[in-house]
């Protein structure tokens, strides 16, 4: 099959997929979306170049599902099992699950100066019950902006804490970003196998994690 044939096949598959989505109710679309992201994350984590060591296929599925649903449960060590790319996949799933994958995808559409479809708006309203006259564009921009600002401030504060605690610079940078997102999304996943027990007496870290979690919970 030549390139033109592949492109045509891809376009036909997209059309079939769009028709399938339009037949689903907004609630079914939300479930379908989260299931899709979970499966994609699971398949990525199953690939060897995202891991440091062999991880059972069910553990990868559990990790992906836990990340997208922000439950904070893990059957394996995130740091020991997955490399930087794998950890990035996990925290990306956490971020998508925390702010809502429809919120993120809608923001991408609006940032490209495109209008949301009627179906897209119905799904968003199902995910976030709002008054009829509420402006979706303003809501989406506020959610993304608030999330970005709080997580950035949290990451900066955590970096200072980690560096003062003697954590190596590169790991301190990545660790501060990872845990800022995880805390704000109240995901509970971390890169420390003792789950911050070694920082139990660090008042600054406890205050920052608590503040991020409360801000994320309240929205």
C-alpha atoms as a PDB file:
ATOM      1  CA  UNK A   1       0.000   0.000   0.000  1.00  0.00           C
ATOM      2  CA  UNK A   2       1.427   3.393  -1.007  1.00  0.00           C
ATOM      3  CA  UNK A   3       1.420   6.586   1.089  1.00  0.00           C
ATOM      4  CA  UNK A   4      -1.768   7.871  -0.537  1.00  0.00           C
ATOM      5  CA  UNK A   5      -3.562   4.618   0.285  1.00  0.00           C
ATOM      6  CA  UNK A   6      -2.402   4.730   3.908  1.00  0.00           C
ATOM      7  CA  UNK A   7      -3.573   8.340   4.296  1.00  0.00           C
ATOM      8  CA  UNK A   8      -6.961   7.457   2.822  1.00  0.00           C
ATOM      9  CA  UNK A   9      -7.318   4.499   5.178  1.00  0.00           C
ATOM     10  CA  UNK A  10      -6.371   6.690   8.138  1.00  0.00           C
ATOM     11  CA  UNK A  11      -8.964   9.303   7.136  1.00  0.00           C
ATOM     12  CA  UNK A  12     -11.647   6.622   6.849  1.00  0.00           C
ATOM     13  CA  UNK A  13     -10.766   5.293  10.301  1.00  0.00           C
ATOM     14  CA  UNK A  14     -11.038   8.810  11.737  1.00  0.00           C
ATOM     15  CA  UNK A  15     -14.472   9.244  10.176  1.00  0.00           C
ATOM     16  CA  UNK A  16     -15.636   5.912  11.596  1.00  0.00           C
ATOM     17  CA  UNK A  17     -14.244   6.870  15.007  1.00  0.00           C
ATOM     18  CA  UNK A  18     -16.024  10.263  14.968  1.00  0.00           C
ATOM     19  CA  UNK A  19     -19.312   8.600  14.030  1.00  0.00           C
ATOM     20  CA  UNK A  20     -18.840   6.137  16.879  1.00  0.00           C
ATOM     21  CA  UNK A  21     -18.262   8.988  19.363  1.00  0.00           C
ATOM     22  CA  UNK A  22     -21.363  10.873  18.230  1.00  0.00           C
ATOM     23  CA  UNK A  23     -23.482   7.808  19.041  1.00  0.00           C
ATOM     24  CA  UNK A  24     -22.260   7.795  22.630  1.00  0.00           C
ATOM     25  CA  UNK A  25     -23.870   9.834  25.375  1.00  0.00           C
ATOM     26  CA  UNK A  26     -21.703  12.517  27.079  1.00  0.00           C
ATOM     27  CA  UNK A  27     -21.252  10.218  30.082  1.00  0.00           C
ATOM     28  CA  UNK A  28     -20.240   7.310  27.855  1.00  0.00           C
ATOM     29  CA  UNK A  29     -17.783   9.599  26.049  1.00  0.00           C
ATOM     30  CA  UNK A  30     -16.122  10.460  29.362  1.00  0.00           C
ATOM     31  CA  UNK A  31     -15.769   6.790  30.317  1.00  0.00           C
ATOM     32  CA  UNK A  32     -14.511   5.946  26.822  1.00  0.00           C
ATOM     33  CA  UNK A  33     -11.944   8.751  26.982  1.00  0.00           C
ATOM     34  CA  UNK A  34     -10.529   7.714  30.348  1.00  0.00           C
ATOM     35  CA  UNK A  35     -10.435   4.072  29.240  1.00  0.00           C
ATOM     36  CA  UNK A  36      -8.581   5.053  26.069  1.00  0.00           C
ATOM     37  CA  UNK A  37      -5.964   7.092  27.928  1.00  0.00           C
ATOM     38  CA  UNK A  38      -5.517   4.249  30.425  1.00  0.00           C
ATOM     39  CA  UNK A  39      -4.932   1.702  27.658  1.00  0.00           C
ATOM     40  CA  UNK A  40      -2.537   3.999  25.779  1.00  0.00           C
ATOM     41  CA  UNK A  41      -0.597   4.683  28.989  1.00  0.00           C
ATOM     42  CA  UNK A  42      -0.555   0.971  29.798  1.00  0.00           C
ATOM     43  CA  UNK A  43       0.810   0.034  26.366  1.00  0.00           C
ATOM     44  CA  UNK A  44       3.522   2.686  26.618  1.00  0.00           C
ATOM     45  CA  UNK A  45       4.604   1.524  30.079  1.00  0.00           C
ATOM     46  CA  UNK A  46       4.818  -2.037  28.752  1.00  0.00           C
ATOM     47  CA  UNK A  47       7.504  -0.979  26.276  1.00  0.00           C
ATOM     48  CA  UNK A  48      11.071  -1.786  27.456  1.00  0.00           C
ATOM     49  CA  UNK A  49      12.516   1.670  26.735  1.00  0.00           C
ATOM     50  CA  UNK A  50      10.172   3.242  29.321  1.00  0.00           C
ATOM     51  CA  UNK A  51      11.358   0.993  32.144  1.00  0.00           C
ATOM     52  CA  UNK A  52      14.464   0.372  34.238  1.00  0.00           C
ATOM     53  CA  UNK A  53      13.572  -3.236  34.943  1.00  0.00           C
ATOM     54  CA  UNK A  54      11.019  -5.875  34.011  1.00  0.00           C
ATOM     55  CA  UNK A  55       7.526  -5.030  35.262  1.00  0.00           C
ATOM     56  CA  UNK A  56       4.574  -7.402  35.032  1.00  0.00           C
ATOM     57  CA  UNK A  57       1.939  -6.419  32.499  1.00  0.00           C
ATOM     58  CA  UNK A  58      -0.742  -6.203  35.219  1.00  0.00           C
ATOM     59  CA  UNK A  59       1.441  -3.883  37.292  1.00  0.00           C
ATOM     60  CA  UNK A  60       1.808  -1.595  34.287  1.00  0.00           C
ATOM     61  CA  UNK A  61      -1.967  -1.585  33.814  1.00  0.00           C
ATOM     62  CA  UNK A  62      -2.514  -0.901  37.511  1.00  0.00           C
ATOM     63  CA  UNK A  63      -0.025   1.992  37.439  1.00  0.00           C
ATOM     64  CA  UNK A  64      -1.627   3.562  34.353  1.00  0.00           C
ATOM     65  CA  UNK A  65      -5.139   3.225  35.806  1.00  0.00           C
ATOM     66  CA  UNK A  66      -4.017   4.587  39.166  1.00  0.00           C
ATOM     67  CA  UNK A  67      -2.337   7.586  37.508  1.00  0.00           C
ATOM     68  CA  UNK A  68      -5.254   8.595  35.263  1.00  0.00           C
ATOM     69  CA  UNK A  69      -7.746   8.161  38.118  1.00  0.00           C
ATOM     70  CA  UNK A  70      -5.392   9.884  40.626  1.00  0.00           C
ATOM     71  CA  UNK A  71      -5.974   7.217  43.276  1.00  0.00           C
ATOM     72  CA  UNK A  72      -2.375   7.199  44.517  1.00  0.00           C
ATOM     73  CA  UNK A  73      -2.017   3.423  44.626  1.00  0.00           C
ATOM     74  CA  UNK A  74       0.969   1.583  43.169  1.00  0.00           C
ATOM     75  CA  UNK A  75       1.994  -2.072  43.195  1.00  0.00           C
ATOM     76  CA  UNK A  76       5.598  -1.294  42.195  1.00  0.00           C
ATOM     77  CA  UNK A  77       8.178   1.385  42.927  1.00  0.00           C
ATOM     78  CA  UNK A  78       7.737   4.213  40.406  1.00  0.00           C
ATOM     79  CA  UNK A  79      11.368   5.282  40.708  1.00  0.00           C
ATOM     80  CA  UNK A  80      12.928   1.804  40.609  1.00  0.00           C
ATOM     81  CA  UNK A  81      10.653   0.435  37.871  1.00  0.00           C
ATOM     82  CA  UNK A  82      10.430   3.259  35.320  1.00  0.00           C
ATOM     83  CA  UNK A  83      13.058   5.524  33.788  1.00  0.00           C
ATOM     84  CA  UNK A  84      12.642   9.268  33.205  1.00  0.00           C
ATOM     85  CA  UNK A  85      10.461   8.735  30.124  1.00  0.00           C
ATOM     86  CA  UNK A  86       8.276   6.243  31.960  1.00  0.00           C
ATOM     87  CA  UNK A  87       7.932   8.591  34.916  1.00  0.00           C
ATOM     88  CA  UNK A  88       6.970  11.363  32.480  1.00  0.00           C
ATOM     89  CA  UNK A  89       4.215   9.158  31.016  1.00  0.00           C
ATOM     90  CA  UNK A  90       2.894   8.488  34.522  1.00  0.00           C
ATOM     91  CA  UNK A  91       2.838  12.128  35.606  1.00  0.00           C
ATOM     92  CA  UNK A  92       1.259  13.117  32.270  1.00  0.00           C
ATOM     93  CA  UNK A  93      -1.551  10.644  32.983  1.00  0.00           C
ATOM     94  CA  UNK A  94      -1.879  12.153  36.455  1.00  0.00           C
ATOM     95  CA  UNK A  95      -2.142  15.642  34.975  1.00  0.00           C
ATOM     96  CA  UNK A  96      -4.761  14.563  32.435  1.00  0.00           C
ATOM     97  CA  UNK A  97      -6.750  12.800  35.116  1.00  0.00           C
ATOM     98  CA  UNK A  98      -6.410  15.681  37.555  1.00  0.00           C
ATOM     99  CA  UNK A  99      -7.683  18.498  35.357  1.00  0.00           C
ATOM    100  CA  UNK A 100      -9.877  16.288  33.174  1.00  0.00           C
ATOM    101  CA  UNK A 101      -8.832  15.069  29.754  1.00  0.00           C
ATOM    102  CA  UNK A 102     -11.753  16.912  28.120  1.00  0.00           C
ATOM    103  CA  UNK A 103     -10.609  20.166  29.720  1.00  0.00           C
ATOM    104  CA  UNK A 104      -7.107  19.680  28.343  1.00  0.00           C
ATOM    105  CA  UNK A 105      -8.233  18.693  24.843  1.00  0.00           C
ATOM    106  CA  UNK A 106     -10.726  21.577  24.740  1.00  0.00           C
ATOM    107  CA  UNK A 107      -8.003  24.023  25.716  1.00  0.00           C
ATOM    108  CA  UNK A 108      -5.828  22.711  22.866  1.00  0.00           C
ATOM    109  CA  UNK A 109      -8.704  23.253  20.420  1.00  0.00           C
ATOM    110  CA  UNK A 110      -9.318  26.801  21.652  1.00  0.00           C
ATOM    111  CA  UNK A 111      -5.600  27.654  21.627  1.00  0.00           C
ATOM    112  CA  UNK A 112      -5.623  26.852  17.915  1.00  0.00           C
ATOM    113  CA  UNK A 113      -8.416  29.431  17.479  1.00  0.00           C
ATOM    114  CA  UNK A 114     -10.979  26.757  16.656  1.00  0.00           C
ATOM    115  CA  UNK A 115     -14.524  26.514  17.980  1.00  0.00           C
ATOM    116  CA  UNK A 116     -15.692  23.670  20.194  1.00  0.00           C
ATOM    117  CA  UNK A 117     -18.225  21.374  18.576  1.00  0.00           C
ATOM    118  CA  UNK A 118     -21.696  20.937  20.057  1.00  0.00           C
ATOM    119  CA  UNK A 119     -20.779  17.376  21.085  1.00  0.00           C
ATOM    120  CA  UNK A 120     -17.606  18.620  22.761  1.00  0.00           C
ATOM    121  CA  UNK A 121     -19.574  21.177  24.783  1.00  0.00           C
ATOM    122  CA  UNK A 122     -22.102  18.571  25.886  1.00  0.00           C
ATOM    123  CA  UNK A 123     -19.328  16.323  27.187  1.00  0.00           C
ATOM    124  CA  UNK A 124     -17.684  19.202  29.052  1.00  0.00           C
ATOM    125  CA  UNK A 125     -20.959  20.165  30.699  1.00  0.00           C
ATOM    126  CA  UNK A 126     -21.454  16.523  31.713  1.00  0.00           C
ATOM    127  CA  UNK A 127     -17.945  16.464  33.220  1.00  0.00           C
ATOM    128  CA  UNK A 128     -18.304  19.866  34.917  1.00  0.00           C
ATOM    129  CA  UNK A 129     -21.942  20.782  35.731  1.00  0.00           C
ATOM    130  CA  UNK A 130     -22.245  24.535  35.156  1.00  0.00           C
ATOM    131  CA  UNK A 131     -25.004  27.146  34.728  1.00  0.00           C
ATOM    132  CA  UNK A 132     -26.411  27.429  31.198  1.00  0.00           C
ATOM    133  CA  UNK A 133     -25.099  30.960  30.689  1.00  0.00           C
ATOM    134  CA  UNK A 134     -21.594  30.102  31.880  1.00  0.00           C
ATOM    135  CA  UNK A 135     -18.866  30.868  29.335  1.00  0.00           C
ATOM    136  CA  UNK A 136     -16.935  27.671  28.645  1.00  0.00           C
ATOM    137  CA  UNK A 137     -13.944  29.455  27.116  1.00  0.00           C
ATOM    138  CA  UNK A 138     -13.372  31.537  30.227  1.00  0.00           C
ATOM    139  CA  UNK A 139     -13.796  28.485  32.443  1.00  0.00           C
ATOM    140  CA  UNK A 140     -11.269  26.404  30.500  1.00  0.00           C
ATOM    141  CA  UNK A 141      -8.700  29.181  30.396  1.00  0.00           C
ATOM    142  CA  UNK A 142      -9.118  29.767  34.131  1.00  0.00           C
ATOM    143  CA  UNK A 143      -8.640  26.067  34.936  1.00  0.00           C
ATOM    144  CA  UNK A 144      -5.483  25.716  32.838  1.00  0.00           C
ATOM    145  CA  UNK A 145      -4.000  29.026  34.011  1.00  0.00           C
ATOM    146  CA  UNK A 146      -4.738  28.334  37.684  1.00  0.00           C
ATOM    147  CA  UNK A 147      -3.266  24.824  37.393  1.00  0.00           C
ATOM    148  CA  UNK A 148      -0.115  26.006  35.616  1.00  0.00           C
ATOM    149  CA  UNK A 149       0.564  28.859  38.050  1.00  0.00           C
ATOM    150  CA  UNK A 150       0.008  26.823  41.223  1.00  0.00           C
ATOM    151  CA  UNK A 151       2.057  23.846  39.985  1.00  0.00           C
ATOM    152  CA  UNK A 152       4.892  26.124  38.850  1.00  0.00           C
ATOM    153  CA  UNK A 153       5.043  27.903  42.213  1.00  0.00           C
ATOM    154  CA  UNK A 154       4.819  24.530  43.969  1.00  0.00           C
ATOM    155  CA  UNK A 155       7.674  23.120  41.876  1.00  0.00           C
ATOM    156  CA  UNK A 156       9.906  26.114  42.637  1.00  0.00           C
ATOM    157  CA  UNK A 157       9.210  25.858  46.362  1.00  0.00           C
ATOM    158  CA  UNK A 158       9.802  22.097  46.376  1.00  0.00           C
ATOM    159  CA  UNK A 159      13.069  22.528  44.474  1.00  0.00           C
ATOM    160  CA  UNK A 160      14.355  24.879  47.171  1.00  0.00           C
ATOM    161  CA  UNK A 161      13.352  22.372  49.864  1.00  0.00           C
ATOM    162  CA  UNK A 162      14.974  19.427  48.074  1.00  0.00           C
ATOM    163  CA  UNK A 163      18.209  21.302  47.417  1.00  0.00           C
ATOM    164  CA  UNK A 164      18.413  22.434  51.056  1.00  0.00           C
ATOM    165  CA  UNK A 165      17.908  18.778  52.018  1.00  0.00           C
ATOM    166  CA  UNK A 166      20.945  17.809  49.915  1.00  0.00           C
ATOM    167  CA  UNK A 167      19.128  16.275  46.946  1.00  0.00           C
ATOM    168  CA  UNK A 168      21.218  16.240  43.737  1.00  0.00           C
ATOM    169  CA  UNK A 169      20.344  19.157  41.413  1.00  0.00           C
ATOM    170  CA  UNK A 170      19.011  17.250  38.374  1.00  0.00           C
ATOM    171  CA  UNK A 171      16.892  14.920  40.470  1.00  0.00           C
ATOM    172  CA  UNK A 172      15.718  17.844  42.599  1.00  0.00           C
ATOM    173  CA  UNK A 173      14.422  19.605  39.450  1.00  0.00           C
ATOM    174  CA  UNK A 174      12.548  16.572  38.148  1.00  0.00           C
ATOM    175  CA  UNK A 175      11.365  15.532  41.605  1.00  0.00           C
ATOM    176  CA  UNK A 176       9.959  18.991  42.341  1.00  0.00           C
ATOM    177  CA  UNK A 177       8.001  19.028  39.062  1.00  0.00           C
ATOM    178  CA  UNK A 178       6.719  15.469  39.516  1.00  0.00           C
ATOM    179  CA  UNK A 179       5.597  15.938  43.111  1.00  0.00           C
ATOM    180  CA  UNK A 180       4.093  19.370  42.506  1.00  0.00           C
ATOM    181  CA  UNK A 181       1.804  17.911  39.830  1.00  0.00           C
ATOM    182  CA  UNK A 182       1.096  14.794  41.872  1.00  0.00           C
ATOM    183  CA  UNK A 183       0.220  16.806  44.984  1.00  0.00           C
ATOM    184  CA  UNK A 184      -1.949  19.358  43.154  1.00  0.00           C
ATOM    185  CA  UNK A 185      -3.869  16.541  41.436  1.00  0.00           C
ATOM    186  CA  UNK A 186      -4.015  14.719  44.808  1.00  0.00           C
ATOM    187  CA  UNK A 187      -2.622  11.652  43.078  1.00  0.00           C
ATOM    188  CA  UNK A 188      -0.313  10.521  45.870  1.00  0.00           C
ATOM    189  CA  UNK A 189       2.242   8.971  43.508  1.00  0.00           C
ATOM    190  CA  UNK A 190       5.887   9.767  44.211  1.00  0.00           C
ATOM    191  CA  UNK A 191       9.496   9.021  43.363  1.00  0.00           C
ATOM    192  CA  UNK A 192      10.556   8.220  46.942  1.00  0.00           C
ATOM    193  CA  UNK A 193      10.064   4.619  48.042  1.00  0.00           C
ATOM    194  CA  UNK A 194       9.481   5.679  51.651  1.00  0.00           C
ATOM    195  CA  UNK A 195       6.673   8.038  50.561  1.00  0.00           C
ATOM    196  CA  UNK A 196       8.364  11.103  52.109  1.00  0.00           C
ATOM    197  CA  UNK A 197       8.853   9.398  55.498  1.00  0.00           C
ATOM    198  CA  UNK A 198      12.437  10.669  55.429  1.00  0.00           C
ATOM    199  CA  UNK A 199      11.001  14.212  55.230  1.00  0.00           C
ATOM    200  CA  UNK A 200       8.594  13.709  58.141  1.00  0.00           C
ATOM    201  CA  UNK A 201      10.380  16.393  60.161  1.00  0.00           C
ATOM    202  CA  UNK A 202      10.667  18.839  57.261  1.00  0.00           C
ATOM    203  CA  UNK A 203       7.953  21.404  58.007  1.00  0.00           C
ATOM    204  CA  UNK A 204       8.502  23.275  54.740  1.00  0.00           C
ATOM    205  CA  UNK A 205       7.906  20.234  52.544  1.00  0.00           C
ATOM    206  CA  UNK A 206       4.871  19.173  54.567  1.00  0.00           C
ATOM    207  CA  UNK A 207       3.382  22.671  54.275  1.00  0.00           C
ATOM    208  CA  UNK A 208       3.975  22.875  50.508  1.00  0.00           C
ATOM    209  CA  UNK A 209       2.520  19.420  49.781  1.00  0.00           C
ATOM    210  CA  UNK A 210      -0.478  20.168  51.993  1.00  0.00           C
ATOM    211  CA  UNK A 211      -1.092  23.544  50.335  1.00  0.00           C
ATOM    212  CA  UNK A 212      -0.875  22.039  46.830  1.00  0.00           C
ATOM    213  CA  UNK A 213      -3.268  19.236  47.767  1.00  0.00           C
ATOM    214  CA  UNK A 214      -5.820  21.638  49.271  1.00  0.00           C
ATOM    215  CA  UNK A 215      -5.633  24.029  46.318  1.00  0.00           C
ATOM    216  CA  UNK A 216      -6.032  21.134  43.912  1.00  0.00           C
ATOM    217  CA  UNK A 217      -8.979  19.688  45.834  1.00  0.00           C
ATOM    218  CA  UNK A 218     -10.798  23.017  46.066  1.00  0.00           C
ATOM    219  CA  UNK A 219      -9.952  23.967  42.478  1.00  0.00           C
END
